[in-house]
Amino acid sequence: MNVRQLISRRSVAVVASLVGMVSLAIGAHAALNKRALDAAKAIGTQQAVDSSKKQSRLALVIGNGHYPDAAAPLNQPINDARALTATLRRNGFDVDVIEDASKDDMQRAIGRLKSRIKPDSVVMLFFGGYGIQARRENYMIPVDARIWKENDIRREGVSVESVLAGIKEKGARAKLVVIDASRRNPYERRFRSYSHGLAPIAASDNALILTSATPGKVADDSKGHNSVLVSELLSNLAAQGTGGVEGVFNKTRVAISRASDGAQVPSVSSSLLDEIRIGG
């Protein structure tokens, strides 16, 4: 083998080695790029999932306390609305809260809620204030309601059942309802006949409904900052553990019944098919 052949072979080996090193570098760079791309996709996917979760938990919270026709303002509904709103927001709910709402205010808020509902949405409705039944249907009473006879209730109030029907039509995954409105009717002296408390609210598909008293019964307000119903509900939500909201509602009902020696027994109606959690 002469010197020229030796140099030639060495040159080929060097070139091959350089080509190999370049190939390895290109492969490593491609692998790093792929990992970075995969990581970015994973982060984007998680962010989309988190955003979806936030979007799928919606609540409308209404607290009405200042009714011109009532003997005195109701202090608890607004306190309750604020306390519940804070808890729901901490647990990922997009909450629309309105206080001392007129009928227009309530209808606009209901429209906003329905416009945001998606097929996987968990939707919660809370109303605190005066609620009145008329012809076996329950009405949330706005603060600007002008009620002189029973027929006025249907014109001036906002039907709980119609709101539930609208939420159902939008395809919500689950519906949670808390109506803290089983108070004595402030307009009853104007009526020739009237019904105490609320009528039973049927739980539509995949719904859970909690009201502050047994149908046909009224509950007196306590002297606390919050109503008995909301106080117990918030307490049980904080201690929810591994259970779902149906267990929370039932524990709330039992706790209030025991604390009042049966004088106030909240009503729970359920057709839930999924385990829904709020907090814990």
Protein backbone atom coordinates (compact mmCIF):
# COMPACT_ATOMS: atom_id res chain seq x y z
CA MET A 1 0.00 0.00 0.00
CA ASN A 2 1.57 3.32 -1.02
CA VAL A 3 1.27 6.62 0.81
CA ARG A 4 -1.33 7.99 -1.58
CA GLN A 5 -3.67 5.00 -1.00
CA LEU A 6 -3.22 5.28 2.77
CA ILE A 7 -4.09 8.97 2.73
CA SER A 8 -7.08 8.26 0.53
CA ARG A 9 -8.42 5.59 2.87
CA ARG A 10 -7.87 7.82 5.90
CA SER A 11 -9.71 10.64 4.13
CA VAL A 12 -12.66 8.36 3.43
CA ALA A 13 -12.75 7.27 7.08
CA VAL A 14 -12.61 10.85 8.28
CA VAL A 15 -15.38 11.86 5.91
CA ALA A 16 -17.50 8.89 6.97
CA SER A 17 -16.92 9.77 10.61
CA LEU A 18 -17.90 13.36 9.98
CA VAL A 19 -21.01 12.26 8.09
CA GLY A 20 -21.94 10.01 11.00
CA MET A 21 -21.46 12.80 13.52
CA VAL A 22 -23.55 15.17 11.42
CA SER A 23 -26.29 12.53 11.10
CA LEU A 24 -26.29 11.98 14.84
CA ALA A 25 -26.47 15.72 15.45
CA ILE A 26 -29.35 16.08 13.00
CA GLY A 27 -31.15 13.13 14.62
CA ALA A 28 -30.64 14.52 18.11
CA HIS A 29 -31.86 17.94 17.01
CA ALA A 30 -34.93 16.39 15.40
CA ALA A 31 -35.62 14.38 18.55
CA LEU A 32 -35.32 17.50 20.69
CA ASN A 33 -37.64 19.37 18.37
CA LYS A 34 -40.16 16.52 18.49
CA ARG A 35 -40.02 16.45 22.30
CA ALA A 36 -40.48 20.20 22.46
CA LEU A 37 -43.40 19.96 20.02
CA ASP A 38 -44.96 17.09 22.00
CA ALA A 39 -44.55 19.06 25.24
CA ALA A 40 -46.14 22.13 23.68
CA LYS A 41 -49.02 20.01 22.41
CA ALA A 42 -49.46 18.46 25.85
CA ILE A 43 -49.52 21.87 27.52
CA GLY A 44 -51.96 23.15 24.91
CA THR A 45 -54.16 20.11 25.37
CA GLN A 46 -54.16 20.50 29.16
CA GLN A 47 -54.97 24.17 28.85
CA ALA A 48 -57.83 23.32 26.51
CA VAL A 49 -59.08 20.70 28.98
CA ASP A 50 -58.83 23.17 31.87
CA SER A 51 -60.62 25.82 29.83
CA SER A 52 -63.30 23.32 28.88
CA LYS A 53 -63.84 22.43 32.52
CA LYS A 54 -64.26 26.06 33.43
CA GLN A 55 -66.65 26.65 30.58
CA SER A 56 -68.72 23.60 31.48
CA ARG A 57 -69.53 24.75 35.03
CA LEU A 58 -72.05 27.58 34.96
CA ALA A 59 -74.18 29.17 37.68
CA LEU A 60 -76.83 31.86 37.96
CA VAL A 61 -77.15 33.18 41.51
CA ILE A 62 -80.00 35.55 42.41
CA GLY A 63 -80.45 37.21 45.79
CA ASN A 64 -83.53 39.42 46.21
CA GLY A 65 -84.01 41.18 49.52
CA HIS A 66 -85.64 44.59 49.13
CA TYR A 67 -89.30 44.17 48.23
CA PRO A 68 -91.34 47.39 48.51
CA ASP A 69 -94.50 45.48 49.49
CA ALA A 70 -92.86 43.44 52.24
CA ALA A 71 -93.02 44.54 55.87
CA ALA A 72 -89.21 44.62 56.12
CA PRO A 73 -86.22 43.89 53.89
CA LEU A 74 -84.85 40.36 53.69
CA ASN A 75 -81.19 40.57 54.65
CA GLN A 76 -80.20 36.96 54.18
CA PRO A 77 -80.80 36.39 50.44
CA ILE A 78 -78.13 38.88 49.38
CA ASN A 79 -75.67 37.58 51.98
CA ASP A 80 -76.43 34.06 50.79
CA ALA A 81 -75.94 34.95 47.15
CA ARG A 82 -72.53 36.47 47.85
CA ALA A 83 -71.34 33.59 50.02
CA LEU A 84 -72.48 30.94 47.56
CA THR A 85 -70.97 32.85 44.63
CA ALA A 86 -67.57 32.91 46.36
CA THR A 87 -67.70 29.16 47.00
CA LEU A 88 -68.78 28.31 43.46
CA ARG A 89 -66.08 30.49 41.90
CA ARG A 90 -63.42 28.84 44.05
CA ASN A 91 -64.58 25.54 42.61
CA GLY A 92 -64.41 26.50 38.96
CA PHE A 93 -67.91 27.81 38.26
CA ASP A 94 -68.49 30.73 35.95
CA VAL A 95 -71.01 32.61 38.10
CA ASP A 96 -73.41 35.36 37.07
CA VAL A 97 -74.72 36.93 40.29
CA ILE A 98 -77.48 39.53 40.50
CA GLU A 99 -78.95 41.24 43.56
CA ASP A 100 -82.34 42.89 44.10
CA ALA A 101 -83.21 41.97 40.55
CA SER A 102 -86.17 43.25 38.57
CA LYS A 103 -87.97 40.90 36.22
CA ASP A 104 -86.03 42.31 33.30
CA ASP A 105 -82.77 41.74 35.20
CA MET A 106 -83.71 38.13 35.87
CA GLN A 107 -84.82 37.43 32.31
CA ARG A 108 -81.64 38.93 30.87
CA ALA A 109 -79.52 36.87 33.26
CA ILE A 110 -81.40 33.70 32.32
CA GLY A 111 -80.82 34.52 28.66
CA ARG A 112 -77.08 34.95 29.30
CA LEU A 113 -76.95 31.63 31.10
CA LYS A 114 -78.74 29.75 28.34
CA SER A 115 -76.49 31.27 25.67
CA ARG A 116 -73.39 29.77 27.36
CA ILE A 117 -74.71 26.25 27.92
CA LYS A 118 -72.94 23.41 26.09
CA PRO A 119 -73.82 19.71 25.97
CA ASP A 120 -71.35 18.90 28.77
CA SER A 121 -72.34 21.84 31.01
CA VAL A 122 -73.18 21.43 34.68
CA VAL A 123 -75.59 24.29 35.39
CA MET A 124 -76.60 25.58 38.82
CA LEU A 125 -79.46 27.94 39.64
CA PHE A 126 -79.81 29.58 43.06
CA PHE A 127 -82.63 31.87 44.07
CA GLY A 128 -83.07 33.49 47.47
CA GLY A 129 -86.02 35.76 48.15
CA TYR A 130 -89.77 35.33 47.92
CA GLY A 131 -91.16 32.39 46.02
CA ILE A 132 -94.87 31.81 45.43
CA GLN A 133 -96.75 28.92 43.87
CA ALA A 134 -99.64 29.47 41.51
CA ARG A 135 -101.54 26.64 39.83
CA ARG A 136 -98.91 24.15 41.03
CA GLU A 137 -96.08 26.10 39.40
CA ASN A 138 -93.39 27.96 41.33
CA TYR A 139 -92.43 31.56 40.67
CA MET A 140 -89.34 33.50 41.72
CA ILE A 141 -90.55 36.99 42.61
CA PRO A 142 -88.58 40.01 41.30
CA VAL A 143 -88.27 43.07 43.54
CA ASP A 144 -90.34 45.19 41.15
CA ALA A 145 -93.29 42.76 41.04
CA ARG A 146 -96.73 44.40 41.30
CA ILE A 147 -98.97 41.71 42.69
CA TRP A 148 -102.54 42.37 43.79
CA LYS A 149 -104.21 39.09 42.96
CA GLU A 150 -103.10 35.53 42.37
CA ASN A 151 -103.24 35.85 38.57
CA ASP A 152 -100.60 38.59 38.80
CA ILE A 153 -98.05 36.05 40.04
CA ARG A 154 -97.84 34.34 36.66
CA ARG A 155 -97.36 37.66 34.86
CA GLU A 156 -94.97 39.31 37.32
CA GLY A 157 -92.95 36.29 38.49
CA VAL A 158 -90.37 34.08 36.79
CA SER A 159 -91.28 30.40 36.66
CA VAL A 160 -88.71 27.99 38.08
CA GLU A 161 -90.09 25.21 35.92
CA SER A 162 -89.78 27.27 32.74
CA VAL A 163 -86.15 28.10 33.52
CA LEU A 164 -85.40 24.41 34.05
CA ALA A 165 -87.13 23.57 30.77
CA GLY A 166 -85.01 26.15 28.95
CA ILE A 167 -81.80 24.77 30.44
CA LYS A 168 -82.84 21.27 29.44
CA GLU A 169 -83.58 22.38 25.87
CA LYS A 170 -80.02 23.70 25.61
CA GLY A 171 -78.74 20.19 26.36
CA ALA A 172 -77.01 20.76 29.71
CA ARG A 173 -75.39 17.64 31.11
CA ALA A 174 -76.77 18.18 34.64
CA LYS A 175 -78.92 20.74 36.45
CA LEU A 176 -78.51 21.74 40.11
CA VAL A 177 -81.18 23.95 41.67
CA VAL A 178 -81.35 25.55 45.12
CA ILE A 179 -84.49 27.57 45.89
CA ASP A 180 -84.37 29.27 49.29
CA ALA A 181 -87.73 30.97 49.03
CA SER A 182 -90.23 29.08 51.20
CA ARG A 183 -91.19 32.24 53.06
CA ARG A 184 -94.63 33.45 53.99
CA ASN A 185 -96.28 35.12 51.04
CA PRO A 186 -96.09 38.92 51.60
CA TYR A 187 -99.09 39.43 49.32
CA GLU A 188 -101.41 36.83 50.88
CA ARG A 189 -103.78 39.37 52.44
CA ARG A 190 -104.62 40.59 48.94
CA PHE A 191 -105.70 37.16 47.74
CA ARG A 192 -109.07 35.55 48.25
CA SER A 193 -107.29 32.22 48.48
CA TYR A 194 -103.63 31.25 48.39
CA SER A 195 -101.29 28.31 48.89
CA HIS A 196 -98.54 28.26 51.47
CA GLY A 197 -94.94 27.58 50.49
CA LEU A 198 -93.87 26.09 47.19
CA ALA A 199 -95.35 23.36 45.07
CA PRO A 200 -93.27 20.21 44.46
CA ILE A 201 -90.67 20.81 41.76
CA ALA A 202 -90.23 17.76 39.57
CA ALA A 203 -86.61 16.95 38.79
CA SER A 204 -86.28 16.84 35.01
CA ASP A 205 -83.69 14.63 33.32
CA ASN A 206 -80.42 14.50 35.29
CA ALA A 207 -81.42 17.21 37.77
CA LEU A 208 -81.06 17.74 41.52
CA ILE A 209 -83.32 20.19 43.34
CA LEU A 210 -83.09 21.47 46.92
CA THR A 211 -85.74 23.74 48.45
CA SER A 212 -85.72 25.22 51.93
CA ALA A 213 -88.92 23.52 53.15
CA THR A 214 -91.28 20.67 52.42
CA PRO A 215 -93.79 21.55 49.67
CA GLY A 216 -96.70 23.51 51.10
CA LYS A 217 -94.72 24.60 54.17
CA VAL A 218 -93.03 27.89 55.06
CA ALA A 219 -89.84 28.47 57.03
CA ASP A 220 -89.13 31.48 59.23
CA ASP A 221 -85.85 33.30 58.71
CA SER A 222 -83.21 32.80 61.38
CA LYS A 223 -81.27 35.69 62.88
CA GLY A 224 -77.99 34.62 61.35
CA HIS A 225 -75.97 36.34 58.66
CA ASN A 226 -76.98 33.59 56.26
CA SER A 227 -80.11 31.50 56.01
CA VAL A 228 -80.14 28.12 57.70
CA LEU A 229 -80.29 26.41 54.31
CA VAL A 230 -77.28 28.19 52.83
CA SER A 231 -75.26 27.94 56.06
CA GLU A 232 -75.70 24.17 56.16
CA LEU A 233 -75.17 23.84 52.41
CA LEU A 234 -71.86 25.73 52.51
CA SER A 235 -70.72 23.74 55.54
CA ASN A 236 -71.45 20.43 53.83
CA LEU A 237 -69.83 21.55 50.59
CA ALA A 238 -66.65 22.38 52.50
CA ALA A 239 -66.65 18.88 54.02
CA GLN A 240 -67.74 17.13 50.83
CA GLY A 241 -64.88 14.62 50.79
CA THR A 242 -65.17 12.02 48.06
CA GLY A 243 -68.96 12.18 47.70
CA GLY A 244 -71.06 13.99 45.18
CA VAL A 245 -73.43 16.93 45.47
CA GLU A 246 -76.47 14.70 45.92
CA GLY A 247 -74.99 13.53 49.22
CA VAL A 248 -74.33 17.15 50.17
CA PHE A 249 -77.95 18.13 49.53
CA ASN A 250 -79.24 15.17 51.55
CA LYS A 251 -76.90 15.90 54.46
CA THR A 252 -78.10 19.50 54.42
CA ARG A 253 -81.72 18.36 54.57
CA VAL A 254 -81.06 15.98 57.48
CA ALA A 255 -78.99 18.51 59.46
CA ILE A 256 -81.67 21.22 59.23
CA SER A 257 -84.45 18.80 60.11
CA ARG A 258 -82.60 17.61 63.21
CA ALA A 259 -81.55 21.09 64.29
CA SER A 260 -85.15 22.34 64.06
CA ASP A 261 -86.69 19.21 65.64
CA GLY A 262 -88.57 18.66 62.42
CA ALA A 263 -90.03 22.16 62.22
CA GLN A 264 -88.15 22.80 58.97
CA VAL A 265 -87.50 19.93 56.59
CA PRO A 266 -85.93 20.89 53.27
CA SER A 267 -86.99 18.97 50.18
CA VAL A 268 -84.59 17.14 47.87
CA SER A 269 -85.69 15.82 44.49
CA SER A 270 -83.22 13.98 42.27
CA SER A 271 -82.99 12.34 38.88
CA LEU A 272 -79.19 12.56 38.66
CA LEU A 273 -77.52 9.87 36.59
CA ASP A 274 -73.95 11.11 37.10
CA GLU A 275 -71.98 11.86 40.24
CA ILE A 276 -71.53 15.63 40.27
CA ARG A 277 -69.08 17.35 42.59
CA ILE A 278 -68.92 21.03 43.52
CA GLY A 279 -66.22 21.35 46.15
CA GLY A 280 -64.48 19.55 48.94
